[in-house]
Structures are given as C-alpha cells and as structure tokens.
Amino acid sequence: MPSFAEYGALFTAAFLSATLFPFQSEAVLFAMLLSERYSEWLLIAVASVGNTLGSVANWFLGRFLAHFEGRRWFPVKREQMKKAEGWYHRYGRWTLLLSWMPVIGDPLTLVAGVLREPLPVFILLVAVAKTARYLTVGALSLGWM
C-alpha cells in the first residue's frame, strides 16, 4: 500500500519543477504511474496541485521582487520590464495557458506576479495548463492515447 510519503515526494517534485529550480516532475509521475501501485487519478491530482502551487510561489516572488525594481542589484532593467509588460499586455493573461511549457513557463508565472495578474485568475489559468499536462503524461504512460 502506498504511503503518504510517496505522494508527498511527487508533490515536492512537482512543486520544485514549477519554480525556477531545474527539476523533472514528469519523470517521477511517469515512473509512479508505470509501477501500478498508486491511484492514477490521485497521482495526477497531487502532481497538478503541487505544480500549480509552485507557480503560485513564482507569482508571489514576482510580486515581492517588483518592490525592489529601482535598486541597482535588481535583475531586470526598467526597459526590459517595459518590454515584458508590453508583451504581456499585448497577448494577455491567456499566455498563462503556456505555463506548462519548459523554458518559458516558469518565467511567465514570475512575470504575471510582477505585473500583478489577479491571483484567482492566475491560479485558474495555471491550474488548467498544469493539469492538462499531467493528464497527457498519464494518458501516454497508461496507454490511454
């Protein structure tokens, strides 16, 4: 019988992979699904919630960093922020549906915090994107597709 710790490990992997830390939660989920020891739907739910909450951490980090924008050590110049703001305003909050993608997904969630995307809208769009990704991993690993 699977333990709470095993599901906790998946949650942690999914959370970390949504932050700016390099981590592969899909591999963990895939291996757990192939073992056939766990509830498929519970695994997908745990991974989705962990990954979404990791993106929420990015959103809060973006909100926090915005307070230090004028400082010399701030990692993004004002011109770069203006460009990112223009891009985000041009394509809108719907870009958050790409938050599942490698390389661009995590920075998108950070920019959403900097640009003060409302948290409920952010969570909804990111949760849809992250859950769809894990459903696809589940479908591929279990032969549903």
N, C-alpha and C. Protein backbone atom coordinates (compact mmCIF):
# COMPACT_ATOMS: atom_id res chain seq x y z
N MET A 1 0.85 -1.19 0.00
CA MET A 1 0.00 0.00 0.00
C MET A 1 0.89 1.25 0.00
N PRO A 2 0.63 2.16 -0.92
CA PRO A 2 1.44 3.37 -0.99
C PRO A 2 1.32 4.22 0.27
N SER A 3 2.40 4.87 0.60
CA SER A 3 2.40 5.71 1.79
C SER A 3 2.22 7.18 1.43
N PHE A 4 1.86 7.91 2.44
CA PHE A 4 1.71 9.36 2.30
C PHE A 4 3.01 9.99 1.83
N ALA A 5 4.13 9.46 2.29
CA ALA A 5 5.45 10.00 1.92
C ALA A 5 5.71 9.89 0.42
N GLU A 6 5.24 8.82 -0.21
CA GLU A 6 5.46 8.66 -1.64
C GLU A 6 4.68 9.71 -2.43
N TYR A 7 3.45 9.94 -2.03
CA TYR A 7 2.68 11.00 -2.67
C TYR A 7 3.29 12.37 -2.35
N GLY A 8 3.82 12.50 -1.14
CA GLY A 8 4.50 13.75 -0.75
C GLY A 8 5.73 14.01 -1.60
N ALA A 9 6.45 12.95 -1.95
CA ALA A 9 7.62 13.10 -2.81
C ALA A 9 7.22 13.59 -4.19
N LEU A 10 6.12 13.06 -4.71
CA LEU A 10 5.63 13.53 -6.01
C LEU A 10 5.21 15.00 -5.92
N PHE A 11 4.50 15.35 -4.85
CA PHE A 11 4.08 16.74 -4.64
C PHE A 11 5.30 17.66 -4.62
N THR A 12 6.33 17.26 -3.88
CA THR A 12 7.55 18.07 -3.78
C THR A 12 8.24 18.20 -5.14
N ALA A 13 8.33 17.11 -5.87
CA ALA A 13 8.95 17.16 -7.20
C ALA A 13 8.17 18.09 -8.11
N ALA A 14 6.84 18.01 -8.07
CA ALA A 14 6.01 18.86 -8.91
C ALA A 14 6.13 20.33 -8.50
N PHE A 15 6.16 20.58 -7.20
CA PHE A 15 6.30 21.95 -6.70
C PHE A 15 7.62 22.54 -7.16
N LEU A 16 8.71 21.82 -6.92
CA LEU A 16 10.04 22.33 -7.29
C LEU A 16 10.19 22.54 -8.79
N SER A 17 9.59 21.65 -9.58
CA SER A 17 9.74 21.80 -11.03
C SER A 17 8.99 23.02 -11.57
N ALA A 18 8.04 23.55 -10.81
CA ALA A 18 7.33 24.75 -11.24
C ALA A 18 8.05 26.03 -10.85
N THR A 19 9.01 25.91 -9.94
CA THR A 19 9.77 27.09 -9.55
C THR A 19 10.93 27.26 -10.53
N LEU A 20 11.81 28.16 -10.23
CA LEU A 20 12.94 28.39 -11.12
C LEU A 20 14.04 27.35 -10.95
N PHE A 21 13.86 26.38 -10.03
CA PHE A 21 14.80 25.27 -9.87
C PHE A 21 14.60 24.27 -11.00
N PRO A 22 15.68 23.74 -11.55
CA PRO A 22 15.51 22.73 -12.59
C PRO A 22 15.13 21.38 -11.97
N PHE A 23 14.01 20.85 -12.35
CA PHE A 23 13.54 19.57 -11.82
C PHE A 23 12.57 18.97 -12.82
N GLN A 24 12.47 17.65 -12.85
CA GLN A 24 11.60 16.94 -13.79
C GLN A 24 10.53 16.17 -13.06
N SER A 25 9.38 16.74 -12.86
CA SER A 25 8.30 16.03 -12.18
C SER A 25 7.62 15.02 -13.09
N GLU A 26 7.67 15.25 -14.39
CA GLU A 26 7.02 14.31 -15.32
C GLU A 26 7.64 12.92 -15.23
N ALA A 27 8.95 12.86 -15.07
CA ALA A 27 9.63 11.57 -14.95
C ALA A 27 9.20 10.84 -13.68
N VAL A 28 9.06 11.58 -12.59
CA VAL A 28 8.62 10.98 -11.33
C VAL A 28 7.20 10.46 -11.49
N LEU A 29 6.31 11.29 -12.06
CA LEU A 29 4.93 10.87 -12.26
C LEU A 29 4.86 9.64 -13.19
N PHE A 30 5.60 9.69 -14.27
CA PHE A 30 5.60 8.60 -15.24
C PHE A 30 6.01 7.28 -14.57
N ALA A 31 7.08 7.32 -13.78
CA ALA A 31 7.56 6.11 -13.09
C ALA A 31 6.52 5.60 -12.09
N MET A 32 5.91 6.50 -11.36
CA MET A 32 4.90 6.08 -10.38
C MET A 32 3.68 5.49 -11.07
N LEU A 33 3.29 6.07 -12.20
CA LEU A 33 2.15 5.53 -12.94
C LEU A 33 2.46 4.14 -13.49
N LEU A 34 3.66 3.95 -14.00
CA LEU A 34 4.05 2.65 -14.56
C LEU A 34 4.14 1.55 -13.50
N SER A 35 4.40 1.93 -12.26
CA SER A 35 4.52 0.93 -11.20
C SER A 35 3.18 0.27 -10.87
N GLU A 36 2.10 0.91 -11.22
CA GLU A 36 0.74 0.42 -10.96
C GLU A 36 0.46 0.16 -9.48
N ARG A 37 1.15 0.86 -8.62
CA ARG A 37 0.94 0.74 -7.17
C ARG A 37 0.06 1.85 -6.62
N TYR A 38 -0.24 2.83 -7.44
CA TYR A 38 -0.91 4.03 -6.96
C TYR A 38 -2.20 4.28 -7.75
N SER A 39 -3.04 5.08 -7.17
CA SER A 39 -4.24 5.55 -7.87
C SER A 39 -3.81 6.56 -8.93
N GLU A 40 -4.13 6.26 -10.19
CA GLU A 40 -3.72 7.15 -11.28
C GLU A 40 -4.27 8.56 -11.09
N TRP A 41 -5.53 8.65 -10.73
CA TRP A 41 -6.16 9.96 -10.59
C TRP A 41 -5.60 10.74 -9.41
N LEU A 42 -5.27 10.03 -8.33
CA LEU A 42 -4.67 10.71 -7.18
C LEU A 42 -3.27 11.21 -7.52
N LEU A 43 -2.50 10.42 -8.27
CA LEU A 43 -1.17 10.88 -8.69
C LEU A 43 -1.27 12.14 -9.55
N ILE A 44 -2.19 12.13 -10.50
CA ILE A 44 -2.35 13.30 -11.38
C ILE A 44 -2.80 14.51 -10.58
N ALA A 45 -3.70 14.30 -9.63
CA ALA A 45 -4.18 15.40 -8.79
C ALA A 45 -3.06 15.96 -7.92
N VAL A 46 -2.28 15.08 -7.30
CA VAL A 46 -1.18 15.52 -6.43
C VAL A 46 -0.14 16.30 -7.24
N ALA A 47 0.22 15.79 -8.41
CA ALA A 47 1.20 16.48 -9.26
C ALA A 47 0.66 17.83 -9.72
N SER A 48 -0.61 17.87 -10.10
CA SER A 48 -1.22 19.12 -10.58
C SER A 48 -1.26 20.18 -9.49
N VAL A 49 -1.67 19.78 -8.29
CA VAL A 49 -1.74 20.74 -7.17
C VAL A 49 -0.34 21.21 -6.80
N GLY A 50 0.62 20.29 -6.70
CA GLY A 50 1.98 20.69 -6.36
C GLY A 50 2.58 21.63 -7.37
N ASN A 51 2.38 21.35 -8.65
CA ASN A 51 2.93 22.18 -9.71
C ASN A 51 2.26 23.55 -9.75
N THR A 52 0.96 23.56 -9.54
CA THR A 52 0.23 24.84 -9.52
C THR A 52 0.71 25.69 -8.35
N LEU A 53 0.86 25.08 -7.18
CA LEU A 53 1.33 25.84 -6.02
C LEU A 53 2.77 26.33 -6.20
N GLY A 54 3.59 25.57 -6.91
CA GLY A 54 4.94 26.05 -7.23
C GLY A 54 4.88 27.30 -8.10
N SER A 55 3.94 27.32 -9.03
CA SER A 55 3.76 28.51 -9.86
C SER A 55 3.23 29.69 -9.05
N VAL A 56 2.39 29.40 -8.06
CA VAL A 56 1.91 30.46 -7.17
C VAL A 56 3.08 31.05 -6.39
N ALA A 57 4.04 30.21 -6.00
CA ALA A 57 5.25 30.71 -5.34
C ALA A 57 6.00 31.66 -6.27
N ASN A 58 6.07 31.33 -7.56
CA ASN A 58 6.69 32.23 -8.53
C ASN A 58 5.94 33.55 -8.61
N TRP A 59 4.61 33.46 -8.61
CA TRP A 59 3.78 34.67 -8.67
C TRP A 59 4.09 35.58 -7.48
N PHE A 60 4.15 35.00 -6.28
CA PHE A 60 4.48 35.79 -5.08
C PHE A 60 5.89 36.34 -5.16
N LEU A 61 6.81 35.55 -5.68
CA LEU A 61 8.18 36.03 -5.85
C LEU A 61 8.19 37.23 -6.80
N GLY A 62 7.43 37.15 -7.87
CA GLY A 62 7.32 38.28 -8.80
C GLY A 62 6.74 39.51 -8.12
N ARG A 63 5.72 39.33 -7.32
CA ARG A 63 5.14 40.46 -6.59
C ARG A 63 6.14 41.07 -5.63
N PHE A 64 6.90 40.22 -4.93
CA PHE A 64 7.89 40.69 -3.97
C PHE A 64 9.03 41.42 -4.67
N LEU A 65 9.52 40.86 -5.74
CA LEU A 65 10.64 41.47 -6.46
C LEU A 65 10.27 42.82 -7.05
N ALA A 66 9.02 43.01 -7.41
CA ALA A 66 8.59 44.27 -8.00
C ALA A 66 8.84 45.45 -7.07
N HIS A 67 8.83 45.21 -5.76
CA HIS A 67 9.06 46.29 -4.79
C HIS A 67 10.51 46.80 -4.84
N PHE A 68 11.41 46.00 -5.39
CA PHE A 68 12.82 46.37 -5.44
C PHE A 68 13.27 46.78 -6.83
N GLU A 69 12.33 47.09 -7.69
CA GLU A 69 12.66 47.35 -9.09
C GLU A 69 13.66 48.47 -9.29
N GLY A 70 13.64 49.49 -8.51
CA GLY A 70 14.54 50.63 -8.70
C GLY A 70 15.94 50.41 -8.19
N ARG A 71 16.19 49.32 -7.49
CA ARG A 71 17.51 49.06 -6.90
C ARG A 71 18.52 48.66 -7.97
N ARG A 72 19.76 48.99 -7.70
CA ARG A 72 20.84 48.71 -8.64
C ARG A 72 21.03 47.21 -8.86
N TRP A 73 20.80 46.40 -7.83
CA TRP A 73 21.02 44.96 -7.92
C TRP A 73 19.83 44.21 -8.54
N PHE A 74 18.74 44.91 -8.78
CA PHE A 74 17.54 44.26 -9.31
C PHE A 74 17.89 43.60 -10.65
N PRO A 75 17.49 42.32 -10.84
CA PRO A 75 17.96 41.56 -12.01
C PRO A 75 17.40 42.00 -13.36
N VAL A 76 16.35 42.80 -13.36
CA VAL A 76 15.73 43.20 -14.63
C VAL A 76 15.72 44.72 -14.72
N LYS A 77 16.22 45.23 -15.82
CA LYS A 77 16.24 46.68 -16.04
C LYS A 77 14.83 47.18 -16.37
N ARG A 78 14.59 48.45 -16.12
CA ARG A 78 13.27 49.04 -16.35
C ARG A 78 12.86 48.90 -17.82
N GLU A 79 13.81 49.05 -18.73
CA GLU A 79 13.49 48.90 -20.16
C GLU A 79 13.00 47.48 -20.45
N GLN A 80 13.65 46.50 -19.84
CA GLN A 80 13.25 45.11 -20.03
C GLN A 80 11.86 44.85 -19.44
N MET A 81 11.59 45.47 -18.29
CA MET A 81 10.28 45.32 -17.67
C MET A 81 9.20 45.93 -18.56
N LYS A 82 9.49 47.09 -19.13
CA LYS A 82 8.53 47.72 -20.04
C LYS A 82 8.23 46.81 -21.22
N LYS A 83 9.28 46.19 -21.75
CA LYS A 83 9.10 45.30 -22.88
C LYS A 83 8.25 44.09 -22.49
N ALA A 84 8.57 43.51 -21.33
CA ALA A 84 7.79 42.35 -20.85
C ALA A 84 6.34 42.75 -20.58
N GLU A 85 6.15 43.92 -19.99
CA GLU A 85 4.79 44.40 -19.74
C GLU A 85 4.03 44.57 -21.05
N GLY A 86 4.68 45.14 -22.04
CA GLY A 86 4.03 45.32 -23.34
C GLY A 86 3.65 43.99 -23.97
N TRP A 87 4.56 43.03 -23.89
CA TRP A 87 4.29 41.69 -24.43
C TRP A 87 3.13 41.04 -23.70
N TYR A 88 3.16 41.15 -22.36
CA TYR A 88 2.11 40.52 -21.56
C TYR A 88 0.76 41.19 -21.81
N HIS A 89 0.77 42.51 -21.91
CA HIS A 89 -0.48 43.22 -22.20
C HIS A 89 -0.97 42.95 -23.62
N ARG A 90 -0.05 42.78 -24.54
CA ARG A 90 -0.44 42.52 -25.92
C ARG A 90 -1.13 41.15 -26.05
N TYR A 91 -0.53 40.13 -25.45
CA TYR A 91 -1.06 38.77 -25.58
C TYR A 91 -1.98 38.39 -24.42
N GLY A 92 -1.91 39.15 -23.35
CA GLY A 92 -2.84 38.97 -22.25
C GLY A 92 -2.55 37.80 -21.33
N ARG A 93 -3.45 37.66 -20.40
CA ARG A 93 -3.33 36.62 -19.37
C ARG A 93 -3.43 35.22 -19.94
N TRP A 94 -3.92 35.11 -21.16
CA TRP A 94 -4.06 33.78 -21.79
C TRP A 94 -2.71 33.13 -22.03
N THR A 95 -1.65 33.92 -21.99
CA THR A 95 -0.32 33.34 -22.13
C THR A 95 -0.03 32.39 -20.96
N LEU A 96 -0.74 32.54 -19.86
CA LEU A 96 -0.54 31.65 -18.72
C LEU A 96 -0.93 30.21 -19.04
N LEU A 97 -1.70 30.02 -20.10
CA LEU A 97 -2.02 28.65 -20.53
C LEU A 97 -0.79 27.95 -21.09
N LEU A 98 0.29 28.71 -21.31
CA LEU A 98 1.56 28.14 -21.75
C LEU A 98 2.50 27.90 -20.57
N SER A 99 2.01 28.06 -19.36
CA SER A 99 2.86 27.91 -18.18
C SER A 99 3.37 26.48 -18.00
N TRP A 100 2.81 25.54 -18.69
CA TRP A 100 3.26 24.14 -18.61
C TRP A 100 4.53 23.90 -19.42
N MET A 101 4.85 24.80 -20.33
CA MET A 101 5.95 24.58 -21.26
C MET A 101 7.32 24.74 -20.60
N PRO A 102 8.25 23.87 -20.97
CA PRO A 102 9.62 24.04 -20.48
C PRO A 102 10.21 25.37 -20.95
N VAL A 103 11.11 25.90 -20.22
CA VAL A 103 11.88 27.11 -20.51
C VAL A 103 11.05 28.38 -20.35
N ILE A 104 9.90 28.52 -20.99
CA ILE A 104 9.16 29.78 -20.92
C ILE A 104 8.07 29.79 -19.84
N GLY A 105 7.63 28.62 -19.41
CA GLY A 105 6.51 28.54 -18.48
C GLY A 105 6.78 29.17 -17.12
N ASP A 106 7.91 28.84 -16.52
CA ASP A 106 8.22 29.37 -15.19
C ASP A 106 8.42 30.89 -15.21
N PRO A 107 9.19 31.43 -16.16
CA PRO A 107 9.30 32.89 -16.21
C PRO A 107 7.95 33.58 -16.44
N LEU A 108 7.07 32.96 -17.20
CA LEU A 108 5.74 33.56 -17.41
C LEU A 108 5.01 33.75 -16.09
N THR A 109 5.12 32.76 -15.21
CA THR A 109 4.42 32.86 -13.94
C THR A 109 5.05 33.93 -13.04
N LEU A 110 6.35 34.12 -13.17
CA LEU A 110 7.03 35.18 -12.42
C LEU A 110 6.60 36.55 -12.93
N VAL A 111 6.58 36.72 -14.25
CA VAL A 111 6.16 37.99 -14.85
C VAL A 111 4.71 38.32 -14.48
N ALA A 112 3.86 37.30 -14.42
CA ALA A 112 2.47 37.54 -14.04
C ALA A 112 2.38 38.15 -12.64
N GLY A 113 3.25 37.72 -11.74
CA GLY A 113 3.28 38.32 -10.40
C GLY A 113 3.78 39.74 -10.43
N VAL A 114 4.85 39.97 -11.18
CA VAL A 114 5.40 41.33 -11.29
C VAL A 114 4.35 42.28 -11.85
N LEU A 115 3.59 41.80 -12.83
CA LEU A 115 2.59 42.65 -13.48
C LEU A 115 1.24 42.62 -12.77
N ARG A 116 1.20 41.99 -11.62
CA ARG A 116 0.03 41.99 -10.75
C ARG A 116 -1.22 41.37 -11.37
N GLU A 117 -1.03 40.25 -12.06
CA GLU A 117 -2.18 39.50 -12.54
C GLU A 117 -2.98 39.09 -11.31
N PRO A 118 -4.29 39.27 -11.30
CA PRO A 118 -5.07 38.87 -10.13
C PRO A 118 -4.86 37.39 -9.81
N LEU A 119 -4.61 37.11 -8.54
CA LEU A 119 -4.26 35.75 -8.12
C LEU A 119 -5.33 34.71 -8.47
N PRO A 120 -6.62 34.98 -8.28
CA PRO A 120 -7.61 33.95 -8.65
C PRO A 120 -7.59 33.59 -10.13
N VAL A 121 -7.45 34.58 -10.99
CA VAL A 121 -7.37 34.33 -12.44
C VAL A 121 -6.10 33.56 -12.75
N PHE A 122 -5.00 33.98 -12.13
CA PHE A 122 -3.72 33.30 -12.31
C PHE A 122 -3.83 31.83 -11.95
N ILE A 123 -4.37 31.55 -10.78
CA ILE A 123 -4.48 30.16 -10.32
C ILE A 123 -5.34 29.35 -11.27
N LEU A 124 -6.45 29.90 -11.70
CA LEU A 124 -7.34 29.17 -12.61
C LEU A 124 -6.64 28.80 -13.91
N LEU A 125 -6.01 29.77 -14.56
CA LEU A 125 -5.36 29.51 -15.84
C LEU A 125 -4.17 28.57 -15.71
N VAL A 126 -3.38 28.76 -14.68
CA VAL A 126 -2.21 27.91 -14.47
C VAL A 126 -2.65 26.49 -14.11
N ALA A 127 -3.67 26.36 -13.27
CA ALA A 127 -4.15 25.02 -12.89
C ALA A 127 -4.67 24.26 -14.10
N VAL A 128 -5.35 24.94 -15.00
CA VAL A 128 -5.84 24.28 -16.22
C VAL A 128 -4.66 23.79 -17.05
N ALA A 129 -3.65 24.64 -17.22
CA ALA A 129 -2.48 24.27 -18.03
C ALA A 129 -1.70 23.12 -17.40
N LYS A 130 -1.45 23.21 -16.11
CA LYS A 130 -0.65 22.19 -15.43
C LYS A 130 -1.39 20.85 -15.40
N THR A 131 -2.67 20.89 -15.12
CA THR A 131 -3.46 19.65 -15.06
C THR A 131 -3.53 18.99 -16.44
N ALA A 132 -3.69 19.78 -17.47
CA ALA A 132 -3.73 19.23 -18.83
C ALA A 132 -2.41 18.53 -19.16
N ARG A 133 -1.30 19.11 -18.73
CA ARG A 133 -0.01 18.47 -18.98
C ARG A 133 0.08 17.13 -18.27
N TYR A 134 -0.30 17.09 -16.99
CA TYR A 134 -0.20 15.84 -16.24
C TYR A 134 -1.22 14.81 -16.73
N LEU A 135 -2.36 15.24 -17.19
CA LEU A 135 -3.30 14.31 -17.80
C LEU A 135 -2.70 13.68 -19.06
N THR A 136 -1.98 14.48 -19.82
CA THR A 136 -1.33 13.97 -21.03
C THR A 136 -0.23 12.97 -20.66
N VAL A 137 0.57 13.28 -19.64
CA VAL A 137 1.60 12.33 -19.19
C VAL A 137 0.92 11.03 -18.74
N GLY A 138 -0.17 11.17 -18.00
CA GLY A 138 -0.90 9.99 -17.55
C GLY A 138 -1.44 9.18 -18.70
N ALA A 139 -2.02 9.86 -19.65
CA ALA A 139 -2.59 9.17 -20.82
C ALA A 139 -1.51 8.44 -21.61
N LEU A 140 -0.36 9.06 -21.78
CA LEU A 140 0.73 8.43 -22.52
C LEU A 140 1.31 7.23 -21.77
N SER A 141 1.49 7.38 -20.48
CA SER A 141 2.12 6.30 -19.70
C SER A 141 1.19 5.12 -19.50
N LEU A 142 -0.11 5.36 -19.49
CA LEU A 142 -1.06 4.29 -19.25
C LEU A 142 -1.68 3.74 -20.53
N GLY A 143 -1.24 4.28 -21.67
CA GLY A 143 -1.75 3.79 -22.95
C GLY A 143 -3.16 4.24 -23.26
N TRP A 144 -3.57 5.36 -22.67
CA TRP A 144 -4.90 5.89 -22.95
C TRP A 144 -4.97 6.58 -24.31
N MET A 145 -3.81 6.92 -24.84
CA MET A 145 -3.76 7.63 -26.13
C MET A 145 -3.18 6.72 -27.19
